[in-house]
Amino acid sequence: MSFSEGDAKKGANLFKTRCAQCHKLKESEGNSTGPNLAGLFGRKSGQVEGFSYTDANKKKGVIWDTDTLFAYLENPKKYIPGTKMAFGGLKKPKDRNDLITFMREETK
């Protein structure tokens, strides 16, 4: 299973309730508990300046796009064993599609 277009409005709500505690979307907001997500799509894992990543994130070498995020967001600790991201994941494909649709626009 891979990414398919979702509902950005529902994705915005998911981001607010599940992600915003640790991640910011605008470059000017800097890093938080998690790395800033501005420019996420097309970026290699573990590369945000000023954020302290685990070696697992740095060495994974994944390029973030809709499909890699779709897989990662289902179960981050399974996708990158050793990540310090505490998020348990979004099990429903629809939720992941909605979130990614929202993030794709908001991280440009």
PDB file of N, CA and C in Angstrom:
ATOM      1  N   MET A   1       0.845  -1.184   0.000  1.00  0.00           N
ATOM      2  CA  MET A   1       0.000   0.000   0.000  1.00  0.00           C
ATOM      3  C   MET A   1       0.890   1.246   0.000  1.00  0.00           C
ATOM      4  N   SER A   2       0.440   2.265  -0.726  1.00  0.00           N
ATOM      5  CA  SER A   2       1.211   3.504  -0.785  1.00  0.00           C
ATOM      6  C   SER A   2       0.277   4.702  -0.699  1.00  0.00           C
ATOM      7  N   PHE A   3       0.875   5.867  -0.707  1.00  0.00           N
ATOM      8  CA  PHE A   3       0.151   7.124  -0.554  1.00  0.00           C
ATOM      9  C   PHE A   3      -0.872   7.324  -1.659  1.00  0.00           C
ATOM     10  N   SER A   4      -2.019   7.868  -1.291  1.00  0.00           N
ATOM     11  CA  SER A   4      -2.967   8.415  -2.259  1.00  0.00           C
ATOM     12  C   SER A   4      -3.519   9.701  -1.669  1.00  0.00           C
ATOM     13  N   GLU A   5      -3.921  10.603  -2.545  1.00  0.00           N
ATOM     14  CA  GLU A   5      -4.370  11.948  -2.141  1.00  0.00           C
ATOM     15  C   GLU A   5      -5.396  11.870  -1.011  1.00  0.00           C
ATOM     16  N   GLY A   6      -5.224  12.727  -0.010  1.00  0.00           N
ATOM     17  CA  GLY A   6      -6.131  12.754   1.131  1.00  0.00           C
ATOM     18  C   GLY A   6      -6.821  14.093   1.292  1.00  0.00           C
ATOM     19  N   ASP A   7      -7.398  14.308   2.450  1.00  0.00           N
ATOM     20  CA  ASP A   7      -8.135  15.518   2.794  1.00  0.00           C
ATOM     21  C   ASP A   7      -7.234  16.410   3.651  1.00  0.00           C
ATOM     22  N   ALA A   8      -6.743  17.503   3.066  1.00  0.00           N
ATOM     23  CA  ALA A   8      -5.791  18.382   3.763  1.00  0.00           C
ATOM     24  C   ALA A   8      -6.394  18.984   5.026  1.00  0.00           C
ATOM     25  N   LYS A   9      -7.697  19.257   5.024  1.00  0.00           N
ATOM     26  CA  LYS A   9      -8.329  19.844   6.204  1.00  0.00           C
ATOM     27  C   LYS A   9      -8.301  18.850   7.371  1.00  0.00           C
ATOM     28  N   LYS A  10      -8.581  17.593   7.090  1.00  0.00           N
ATOM     29  CA  LYS A  10      -8.503  16.564   8.138  1.00  0.00           C
ATOM     30  C   LYS A  10      -7.046  16.362   8.550  1.00  0.00           C
ATOM     31  N   GLY A  11      -6.151  16.467   7.586  1.00  0.00           N
ATOM     32  CA  GLY A  11      -4.724  16.356   7.876  1.00  0.00           C
ATOM     33  C   GLY A  11      -4.238  17.464   8.791  1.00  0.00           C
ATOM     34  N   ALA A  12      -4.782  18.672   8.608  1.00  0.00           N
ATOM     35  CA  ALA A  12      -4.411  19.808   9.468  1.00  0.00           C
ATOM     36  C   ALA A  12      -4.798  19.520  10.909  1.00  0.00           C
ATOM     37  N   ASN A  13      -5.969  18.943  11.091  1.00  0.00           N
ATOM     38  CA  ASN A  13      -6.421  18.598  12.441  1.00  0.00           C
ATOM     39  C   ASN A  13      -5.547  17.498  13.041  1.00  0.00           C
ATOM     40  N   LEU A  14      -5.193  16.512  12.250  1.00  0.00           N
ATOM     41  CA  LEU A  14      -4.298  15.449  12.730  1.00  0.00           C
ATOM     42  C   LEU A  14      -2.948  16.034  13.134  1.00  0.00           C
ATOM     43  N   PHE A  15      -2.424  16.947  12.306  1.00  0.00           N
ATOM     44  CA  PHE A  15      -1.142  17.555  12.642  1.00  0.00           C
ATOM     45  C   PHE A  15      -1.238  18.282  13.980  1.00  0.00           C
ATOM     46  N   LYS A  16      -2.295  19.054  14.119  1.00  0.00           N
ATOM     47  CA  LYS A  16      -2.492  19.838  15.344  1.00  0.00           C
ATOM     48  C   LYS A  16      -2.570  18.942  16.585  1.00  0.00           C
ATOM     49  N   THR A  17      -3.272  17.821  16.479  1.00  0.00           N
ATOM     50  CA  THR A  17      -3.491  16.968  17.653  1.00  0.00           C
ATOM     51  C   THR A  17      -2.386  15.934  17.865  1.00  0.00           C
ATOM     52  N   ARG A  18      -1.686  15.530  16.800  1.00  0.00           N
ATOM     53  CA  ARG A  18      -0.730  14.429  16.934  1.00  0.00           C
ATOM     54  C   ARG A  18       0.733  14.815  16.720  1.00  0.00           C
ATOM     55  N   CYS A  19       0.986  15.957  16.070  1.00  0.00           N
ATOM     56  CA  CYS A  19       2.358  16.277  15.667  1.00  0.00           C
ATOM     57  C   CYS A  19       2.892  17.607  16.209  1.00  0.00           C
ATOM     58  N   ALA A  20       1.987  18.588  16.345  1.00  0.00           N
ATOM     59  CA  ALA A  20       2.415  19.967  16.644  1.00  0.00           C
ATOM     60  C   ALA A  20       3.067  20.125  18.015  1.00  0.00           C
ATOM     61  N   GLN A  21       2.864  19.162  18.917  1.00  0.00           N
ATOM     62  CA  GLN A  21       3.527  19.247  20.216  1.00  0.00           C
ATOM     63  C   GLN A  21       5.048  19.208  20.038  1.00  0.00           C
ATOM     64  N   CYS A  22       5.521  18.518  19.002  1.00  0.00           N
ATOM     65  CA  CYS A  22       6.962  18.308  18.819  1.00  0.00           C
ATOM     66  C   CYS A  22       7.535  18.901  17.534  1.00  0.00           C
ATOM     67  N   HIS A  23       6.701  19.192  16.548  1.00  0.00           N
ATOM     68  CA  HIS A  23       7.196  19.647  15.240  1.00  0.00           C
ATOM     69  C   HIS A  23       6.589  20.973  14.830  1.00  0.00           C
ATOM     70  N   LYS A  24       7.398  21.805  14.183  1.00  0.00           N
ATOM     71  CA  LYS A  24       6.962  23.071  13.589  1.00  0.00           C
ATOM     72  C   LYS A  24       7.041  22.936  12.075  1.00  0.00           C
ATOM     73  N   LEU A  25       6.224  23.724  11.372  1.00  0.00           N
ATOM     74  CA  LEU A  25       6.136  23.633   9.916  1.00  0.00           C
ATOM     75  C   LEU A  25       6.892  24.731   9.178  1.00  0.00           C
ATOM     76  N   LYS A  26       7.072  25.867   9.811  1.00  0.00           N
ATOM     77  CA  LYS A  26       7.711  27.008   9.150  1.00  0.00           C
ATOM     78  C   LYS A  26       9.165  27.120   9.592  1.00  0.00           C
ATOM     79  N   GLU A  27      10.038  27.357   8.630  1.00  0.00           N
ATOM     80  CA  GLU A  27      11.476  27.434   8.913  1.00  0.00           C
ATOM     81  C   GLU A  27      11.783  28.443  10.016  1.00  0.00           C
ATOM     82  N   SER A  28      11.065  29.561  10.020  1.00  0.00           N
ATOM     83  CA  SER A  28      11.308  30.621  11.004  1.00  0.00           C
ATOM     84  C   SER A  28      10.996  30.187  12.439  1.00  0.00           C
ATOM     85  N   GLU A  29      10.251  29.092  12.601  1.00  0.00           N
ATOM     86  CA  GLU A  29       9.880  28.620  13.944  1.00  0.00           C
ATOM     87  C   GLU A  29      10.958  27.754  14.595  1.00  0.00           C
ATOM     88  N   GLY A  30      11.943  27.335  13.826  1.00  0.00           N
ATOM     89  CA  GLY A  30      13.056  26.551  14.370  1.00  0.00           C
ATOM     90  C   GLY A  30      12.659  25.141  14.798  1.00  0.00           C
ATOM     91  N   ASN A  31      13.598  24.472  15.458  1.00  0.00           N
ATOM     92  CA  ASN A  31      13.376  23.115  15.946  1.00  0.00           C
ATOM     93  C   ASN A  31      12.674  23.159  17.296  1.00  0.00           C
ATOM     94  N   SER A  32      12.033  22.073  17.637  1.00  0.00           N
ATOM     95  CA  SER A  32      11.358  21.916  18.921  1.00  0.00           C
ATOM     96  C   SER A  32      11.866  20.604  19.509  1.00  0.00           C
ATOM     97  N   THR A  33      11.001  19.848  20.159  1.00  0.00           N
ATOM     98  CA  THR A  33      11.381  18.515  20.634  1.00  0.00           C
ATOM     99  C   THR A  33      11.784  17.662  19.438  1.00  0.00           C
ATOM    100  N   GLY A  34      11.087  17.879  18.320  1.00  0.00           N
ATOM    101  CA  GLY A  34      11.404  17.216  17.051  1.00  0.00           C
ATOM    102  C   GLY A  34      11.956  18.242  16.073  1.00  0.00           C
ATOM    103  N   PRO A  35      12.538  17.774  14.963  1.00  0.00           N
ATOM    104  CA  PRO A  35      13.092  18.701  13.984  1.00  0.00           C
ATOM    105  C   PRO A  35      12.008  19.497  13.265  1.00  0.00           C
ATOM    106  N   ASN A  36      12.374  20.675  12.794  1.00  0.00           N
ATOM    107  CA  ASN A  36      11.485  21.495  11.989  1.00  0.00           C
ATOM    108  C   ASN A  36      11.198  20.757  10.681  1.00  0.00           C
ATOM    109  N   LEU A  37       9.960  20.815  10.215  1.00  0.00           N
ATOM    110  CA  LEU A  37       9.563  20.065   9.028  1.00  0.00           C
ATOM    111  C   LEU A  37       9.545  20.890   7.743  1.00  0.00           C
ATOM    112  N   ALA A  38       9.917  22.168   7.804  1.00  0.00           N
ATOM    113  CA  ALA A  38       9.981  22.988   6.590  1.00  0.00           C
ATOM    114  C   ALA A  38      10.945  22.338   5.598  1.00  0.00           C
ATOM    115  N   GLY A  39      10.526  22.219   4.347  1.00  0.00           N
ATOM    116  CA  GLY A  39      11.381  21.621   3.323  1.00  0.00           C
ATOM    117  C   GLY A  39      11.531  20.119   3.440  1.00  0.00           C
ATOM    118  N   LEU A  40      10.614  19.468   4.133  1.00  0.00           N
ATOM    119  CA  LEU A  40      10.714  18.026   4.391  1.00  0.00           C
ATOM    120  C   LEU A  40      10.765  17.180   3.121  1.00  0.00           C
ATOM    121  N   PHE A  41       9.885  17.479   2.169  1.00  0.00           N
ATOM    122  CA  PHE A  41       9.788  16.631   0.974  1.00  0.00           C
ATOM    123  C   PHE A  41      11.019  16.801   0.093  1.00  0.00           C
ATOM    124  N   GLY A  42      11.680  15.682  -0.187  1.00  0.00           N
ATOM    125  CA  GLY A  42      12.912  15.692  -0.966  1.00  0.00           C
ATOM    126  C   GLY A  42      14.166  15.766  -0.114  1.00  0.00           C
ATOM    127  N   ARG A  43      13.996  15.905   1.186  1.00  0.00           N
ATOM    128  CA  ARG A  43      15.142  15.977   2.107  1.00  0.00           C
ATOM    129  C   ARG A  43      15.498  14.564   2.588  1.00  0.00           C
ATOM    130  N   LYS A  44      16.764  14.380   2.865  1.00  0.00           N
ATOM    131  CA  LYS A  44      17.254  13.113   3.396  1.00  0.00           C
ATOM    132  C   LYS A  44      17.043  13.086   4.912  1.00  0.00           C
ATOM    133  N   SER A  45      16.736  11.911   5.458  1.00  0.00           N
ATOM    134  CA  SER A  45      16.514  11.777   6.904  1.00  0.00           C
ATOM    135  C   SER A  45      17.745  12.209   7.699  1.00  0.00           C
ATOM    136  N   GLY A  46      17.478  12.817   8.865  1.00  0.00           N
ATOM    137  CA  GLY A  46      18.556  13.191   9.782  1.00  0.00           C
ATOM    138  C   GLY A  46      19.373  14.389   9.369  1.00  0.00           C
ATOM    139  N   GLN A  47      18.793  15.346   8.628  1.00  0.00           N
ATOM    140  CA  GLN A  47      19.591  16.430   8.053  1.00  0.00           C
ATOM    141  C   GLN A  47      19.238  17.846   8.497  1.00  0.00           C
ATOM    142  N   VAL A  48      18.293  18.035   9.402  1.00  0.00           N
ATOM    143  CA  VAL A  48      17.934  19.406   9.786  1.00  0.00           C
ATOM    144  C   VAL A  48      19.027  19.995  10.666  1.00  0.00           C
ATOM    145  N   GLU A  49      19.536  21.136  10.234  1.00  0.00           N
ATOM    146  CA  GLU A  49      20.621  21.797  10.960  1.00  0.00           C
ATOM    147  C   GLU A  49      20.172  22.171  12.368  1.00  0.00           C
ATOM    148  N   GLY A  50      21.050  21.898  13.324  1.00  0.00           N
ATOM    149  CA  GLY A  50      20.784  22.287  14.703  1.00  0.00           C
ATOM    150  C   GLY A  50      19.940  21.297  15.488  1.00  0.00           C
ATOM    151  N   PHE A  51      19.525  20.186  14.840  1.00  0.00           N
ATOM    152  CA  PHE A  51      18.750  19.184  15.570  1.00  0.00           C
ATOM    153  C   PHE A  51      19.633  17.977  15.850  1.00  0.00           C
ATOM    154  N   SER A  52      19.537  17.473  17.068  1.00  0.00           N
ATOM    155  CA  SER A  52      20.350  16.335  17.484  1.00  0.00           C
ATOM    156  C   SER A  52      19.629  15.021  17.181  1.00  0.00           C
ATOM    157  N   TYR A  53      20.008  14.396  16.077  1.00  0.00           N
ATOM    158  CA  TYR A  53      19.399  13.134  15.650  1.00  0.00           C
ATOM    159  C   TYR A  53      20.129  11.935  16.243  1.00  0.00           C
ATOM    160  N   THR A  54      19.434  10.815  16.319  1.00  0.00           N
ATOM    161  CA  THR A  54      20.098   9.557  16.653  1.00  0.00           C
ATOM    162  C   THR A  54      20.896   9.120  15.425  1.00  0.00           C
ATOM    163  N   ASP A  55      21.890   8.265  15.640  1.00  0.00           N
ATOM    164  CA  ASP A  55      22.649   7.721  14.516  1.00  0.00           C
ATOM    165  C   ASP A  55      21.728   6.962  13.568  1.00  0.00           C
ATOM    166  N   ALA A  56      20.701   6.317  14.110  1.00  0.00           N
ATOM    167  CA  ALA A  56      19.759   5.560  13.283  1.00  0.00           C
ATOM    168  C   ALA A  56      19.104   6.468  12.242  1.00  0.00           C
ATOM    169  N   ASN A  57      18.695   7.660  12.655  1.00  0.00           N
ATOM    170  CA  ASN A  57      18.068   8.598  11.716  1.00  0.00           C
ATOM    171  C   ASN A  57      19.074   9.091  10.682  1.00  0.00           C
ATOM    172  N   LYS A  58      20.279   9.401  11.131  1.00  0.00           N
ATOM    173  CA  LYS A  58      21.300   9.914  10.218  1.00  0.00           C
ATOM    174  C   LYS A  58      21.704   8.857   9.193  1.00  0.00           C
ATOM    175  N   LYS A  59      21.794   7.620   9.635  1.00  0.00           N
ATOM    176  CA  LYS A  59      22.287   6.548   8.764  1.00  0.00           C
ATOM    177  C   LYS A  59      21.208   5.930   7.881  1.00  0.00           C
ATOM    178  N   LYS A  60      19.934   6.167   8.188  1.00  0.00           N
ATOM    179  CA  LYS A  60      18.853   5.571   7.399  1.00  0.00           C
ATOM    180  C   LYS A  60      18.946   5.987   5.934  1.00  0.00           C
ATOM    181  N   GLY A  61      19.240   7.249   5.693  1.00  0.00           N
ATOM    182  CA  GLY A  61      19.462   7.717   4.330  1.00  0.00           C
ATOM    183  C   GLY A  61      18.222   7.742   3.443  1.00  0.00           C
ATOM    184  N   VAL A  62      17.044   7.741   4.057  1.00  0.00           N
ATOM    185  CA  VAL A  62      15.815   7.771   3.265  1.00  0.00           C
ATOM    186  C   VAL A  62      15.568   9.196   2.766  1.00  0.00           C
ATOM    187  N   ILE A  63      15.051   9.311   1.570  1.00  0.00           N
ATOM    188  CA  ILE A  63      14.615  10.603   1.039  1.00  0.00           C
ATOM    189  C   ILE A  63      13.117  10.690   1.307  1.00  0.00           C
ATOM    190  N   TRP A  64      12.699  11.736   2.020  1.00  0.00           N
ATOM    191  CA  TRP A  64      11.291  11.861   2.384  1.00  0.00           C
ATOM    192  C   TRP A  64      10.448  12.297   1.189  1.00  0.00           C
ATOM    193  N   ASP A  65       9.462  11.458   0.873  1.00  0.00           N
ATOM    194  CA  ASP A  65       8.458  11.783  -0.132  1.00  0.00           C
ATOM    195  C   ASP A  65       7.130  11.197   0.351  1.00  0.00           C
ATOM    196  N   THR A  66       6.106  11.269  -0.452  1.00  0.00           N
ATOM    197  CA  THR A  66       4.786  10.815   0.008  1.00  0.00           C
ATOM    198  C   THR A  66       4.804   9.331   0.401  1.00  0.00           C
ATOM    199  N   ASP A  67       5.488   8.498  -0.372  1.00  0.00           N
ATOM    200  CA  ASP A  67       5.478   7.058  -0.075  1.00  0.00           C
ATOM    201  C   ASP A  67       6.363   6.681   1.108  1.00  0.00           C
ATOM    202  N   THR A  68       7.543   7.313   1.245  1.00  0.00           N
ATOM    203  CA  THR A  68       8.385   6.981   2.397  1.00  0.00           C
ATOM    204  C   THR A  68       7.726   7.471   3.686  1.00  0.00           C
ATOM    205  N   LEU A  69       7.081   8.641   3.639  1.00  0.00           N
ATOM    206  CA  LEU A  69       6.367   9.125   4.820  1.00  0.00           C
ATOM    207  C   LEU A  69       5.171   8.238   5.150  1.00  0.00           C
ATOM    208  N   PHE A  70       4.494   7.751   4.126  1.00  0.00           N
ATOM    209  CA  PHE A  70       3.349   6.867   4.337  1.00  0.00           C
ATOM    210  C   PHE A  70       3.782   5.627   5.120  1.00  0.00           C
ATOM    211  N   ALA A  71       4.907   5.054   4.738  1.00  0.00           N
ATOM    212  CA  ALA A  71       5.432   3.876   5.440  1.00  0.00           C
ATOM    213  C   ALA A  71       5.931   4.245   6.837  1.00  0.00           C
ATOM    214  N   TYR A  72       6.685   5.325   6.944  1.00  0.00           N
ATOM    215  CA  TYR A  72       7.258   5.754   8.220  1.00  0.00           C
ATOM    216  C   TYR A  72       6.185   6.071   9.254  1.00  0.00           C
ATOM    217  N   LEU A  73       5.174   6.810   8.855  1.00  0.00           N
ATOM    218  CA  LEU A  73       4.161   7.272   9.811  1.00  0.00           C
ATOM    219  C   LEU A  73       3.265   6.158  10.334  1.00  0.00           C
ATOM    220  N   GLU A  74       3.291   5.002   9.695  1.00  0.00           N
ATOM    221  CA  GLU A  74       2.521   3.869  10.225  1.00  0.00           C
ATOM    222  C   GLU A  74       3.136   3.374  11.528  1.00  0.00           C
ATOM    223  N   ASN A  75       4.479   3.328  11.561  1.00  0.00           N
ATOM    224  CA  ASN A  75       5.184   2.837  12.743  1.00  0.00           C
ATOM    225  C   ASN A  75       6.638   3.327  12.695  1.00  0.00           C
ATOM    226  N   PRO A  76       6.883   4.559  13.174  1.00  0.00           N
ATOM    227  CA  PRO A  76       8.228   5.140  13.067  1.00  0.00           C
ATOM    228  C   PRO A  76       9.346   4.272  13.639  1.00  0.00           C
ATOM    229  N   LYS A  77       9.101   3.630  14.782  1.00  0.00           N
ATOM    230  CA  LYS A  77      10.161   2.829  15.415  1.00  0.00           C
ATOM    231  C   LYS A  77      10.479   1.557  14.619  1.00  0.00           C
ATOM    232  N   LYS A  78       9.519   1.060  13.867  1.00  0.00           N
ATOM    233  CA  LYS A  78       9.775  -0.094  13.005  1.00  0.00           C
ATOM    234  C   LYS A  78      10.520   0.341  11.739  1.00  0.00           C
ATOM    235  N   TYR A  79      10.154   1.504  11.207  1.00  0.00           N
ATOM    236  CA  TYR A  79      10.761   2.010   9.976  1.00  0.00           C
ATOM    237  C   TYR A  79      12.205   2.450  10.217  1.00  0.00           C
ATOM    238  N   ILE A  80      12.453   3.114  11.341  1.00  0.00           N
ATOM    239  CA  ILE A  80      13.818   3.518  11.714  1.00  0.00           C
ATOM    240  C   ILE A  80      14.085   3.023  13.137  1.00  0.00           C
ATOM    241  N   PRO A  81      14.486   1.748  13.273  1.00  0.00           N
ATOM    242  CA  PRO A  81      14.812   1.241  14.610  1.00  0.00           C
ATOM    243  C   PRO A  81      15.907   2.100  15.241  1.00  0.00           C
ATOM    244  N   GLY A  82      15.669   2.550  16.459  1.00  0.00           N
ATOM    245  CA  GLY A  82      16.639   3.401  17.135  1.00  0.00           C
ATOM    246  C   GLY A  82      16.271   4.878  17.104  1.00  0.00           C
ATOM    247  N   THR A  83      15.181   5.230  16.417  1.00  0.00           N
ATOM    248  CA  THR A  83      14.753   6.633  16.417  1.00  0.00           C
ATOM    249  C   THR A  83      14.294   7.013  17.821  1.00  0.00           C
ATOM    250  N   LYS A  84      14.447   8.291  18.163  1.00  0.00           N
ATOM    251  CA  LYS A  84      13.962   8.723  19.476  1.00  0.00           C
ATOM    252  C   LYS A  84      12.549   9.299  19.391  1.00  0.00           C
ATOM    253  N   MET A  85      11.967   9.267  18.192  1.00  0.00           N
ATOM    254  CA  MET A  85      10.604   9.774  18.049  1.00  0.00           C
ATOM    255  C   MET A  85       9.658   8.875  18.841  1.00  0.00           C
ATOM    256  N   ALA A  86       8.950   9.480  19.780  1.00  0.00           N
ATOM    257  CA  ALA A  86       8.087   8.716  20.695  1.00  0.00           C
ATOM    258  C   ALA A  86       6.719   8.407  20.108  1.00  0.00           C
ATOM    259  N   PHE A  87       6.399   8.981  18.969  1.00  0.00           N
ATOM    260  CA  PHE A  87       5.097   8.816  18.337  1.00  0.00           C
ATOM    261  C   PHE A  87       4.867   7.368  17.923  1.00  0.00           C
ATOM    262  N   GLY A  88       3.732   6.816  18.312  1.00  0.00           N
ATOM    263  CA  GLY A  88       3.422   5.411  18.017  1.00  0.00           C
ATOM    264  C   GLY A  88       3.000   5.133  16.594  1.00  0.00           C
ATOM    265  N   GLY A  89       2.638   6.155  15.851  1.00  0.00           N
ATOM    266  CA  GLY A  89       2.256   5.971  14.458  1.00  0.00           C
ATOM    267  C   GLY A  89       0.766   6.146  14.227  1.00  0.00           C
ATOM    268  N   LEU A  90       0.413   6.234  12.961  1.00  0.00           N
ATOM    269  CA  LEU A  90      -0.988   6.316  12.534  1.00  0.00           C
ATOM    270  C   LEU A  90      -1.299   5.028  11.783  1.00  0.00           C
ATOM    271  N   LYS A  91      -2.090   4.174  12.379  1.00  0.00           N
ATOM    272  CA  LYS A  91      -2.349   2.856  11.791  1.00  0.00           C
ATOM    273  C   LYS A  91      -3.256   2.915  10.567  1.00  0.00           C
ATOM    274  N   LYS A  92      -4.209   3.870  10.545  1.00  0.00           N
ATOM    275  CA  LYS A  92      -5.162   3.935   9.429  1.00  0.00           C
ATOM    276  C   LYS A  92      -4.534   4.619   8.212  1.00  0.00           C
ATOM    277  N   PRO A  93      -4.547   3.928   7.065  1.00  0.00           N
ATOM    278  CA  PRO A  93      -4.003   4.541   5.847  1.00  0.00           C
ATOM    279  C   PRO A  93      -4.651   5.891   5.530  1.00  0.00           C
ATOM    280  N   LYS A  94      -5.949   6.030   5.743  1.00  0.00           N
ATOM    281  CA  LYS A  94      -6.644   7.286   5.463  1.00  0.00           C
ATOM    282  C   LYS A  94      -6.055   8.440   6.284  1.00  0.00           C
ATOM    283  N   ASP A  95      -5.765   8.190   7.551  1.00  0.00           N
ATOM    284  CA  ASP A  95      -5.162   9.231   8.396  1.00  0.00           C
ATOM    285  C   ASP A  95      -3.789   9.640   7.865  1.00  0.00           C
ATOM    286  N   ARG A  96      -2.998   8.662   7.456  1.00  0.00           N
ATOM    287  CA  ARG A  96      -1.669   8.977   6.921  1.00  0.00           C
ATOM    288  C   ARG A  96      -1.791   9.767   5.617  1.00  0.00           C
ATOM    289  N   ASN A  97      -2.728   9.379   4.745  1.00  0.00           N
ATOM    290  CA  ASN A  97      -2.937  10.114   3.494  1.00  0.00           C
ATOM    291  C   ASN A  97      -3.349  11.558   3.773  1.00  0.00           C
ATOM    292  N   ASP A  98      -4.281  11.754   4.719  1.00  0.00           N
ATOM    293  CA  ASP A  98      -4.740  13.104   5.055  1.00  0.00           C
ATOM    294  C   ASP A  98      -3.590  13.944   5.603  1.00  0.00           C
ATOM    295  N   LEU A  99      -2.827  13.392   6.523  1.00  0.00           N
ATOM    296  CA  LEU A  99      -1.714  14.120   7.143  1.00  0.00           C
ATOM    297  C   LEU A  99      -0.656  14.497   6.106  1.00  0.00           C
ATOM    298  N   ILE A 100      -0.281  13.565   5.267  1.00  0.00           N
ATOM    299  CA  ILE A 100       0.748  13.817   4.252  1.00  0.00           C
ATOM    300  C   ILE A 100       0.262  14.852   3.240  1.00  0.00           C
ATOM    301  N   THR A 101      -0.998  14.775   2.846  1.00  0.00           N
ATOM    302  CA  THR A 101      -1.562  15.776   1.922  1.00  0.00           C
ATOM    303  C   THR A 101      -1.435  17.168   2.509  1.00  0.00           C
ATOM    304  N   PHE A 102      -1.767  17.310   3.789  1.00  0.00           N
ATOM    305  CA  PHE A 102      -1.626  18.589   4.485  1.00  0.00           C
ATOM    306  C   PHE A 102      -0.155  19.014   4.553  1.00  0.00           C
ATOM    307  N   MET A 103       0.704  18.119   4.990  1.00  0.00           N
ATOM    308  CA  MET A 103       2.112  18.458   5.203  1.00  0.00           C
ATOM    309  C   MET A 103       2.821  18.825   3.899  1.00  0.00           C
ATOM    310  N   ARG A 104       2.433  18.185   2.819  1.00  0.00           N
ATOM    311  CA  ARG A 104       3.077  18.464   1.527  1.00  0.00           C
ATOM    312  C   ARG A 104       2.943  19.952   1.163  1.00  0.00           C
ATOM    313  N   GLU A 105       1.802  20.536   1.435  1.00  0.00           N
ATOM    314  CA  GLU A 105       1.590  21.967   1.158  1.00  0.00           C
ATOM    315  C   GLU A 105       2.226  22.855   2.221  1.00  0.00           C
ATOM    316  N   GLU A 106       2.076  22.470   3.471  1.00  0.00           N
ATOM    317  CA  GLU A 106       2.493  23.339   4.582  1.00  0.00           C
ATOM    318  C   GLU A 106       3.998  23.385   4.816  1.00  0.00           C
ATOM    319  N   THR A 107       4.746  22.451   4.251  1.00  0.00           N
ATOM    320  CA  THR A 107       6.198  22.419   4.491  1.00  0.00           C
ATOM    321  C   THR A 107       6.992  23.008   3.331  1.00  0.00           C
ATOM    322  N   LYS A 108       6.309  23.514   2.318  1.00  0.00           N
ATOM    323  CA  LYS A 108       7.006  24.103   1.139  1.00  0.00           C
ATOM    324  C   LYS A 108       7.746  25.359   1.529  1.00  0.00           C
TER     325      LYS A 108
END
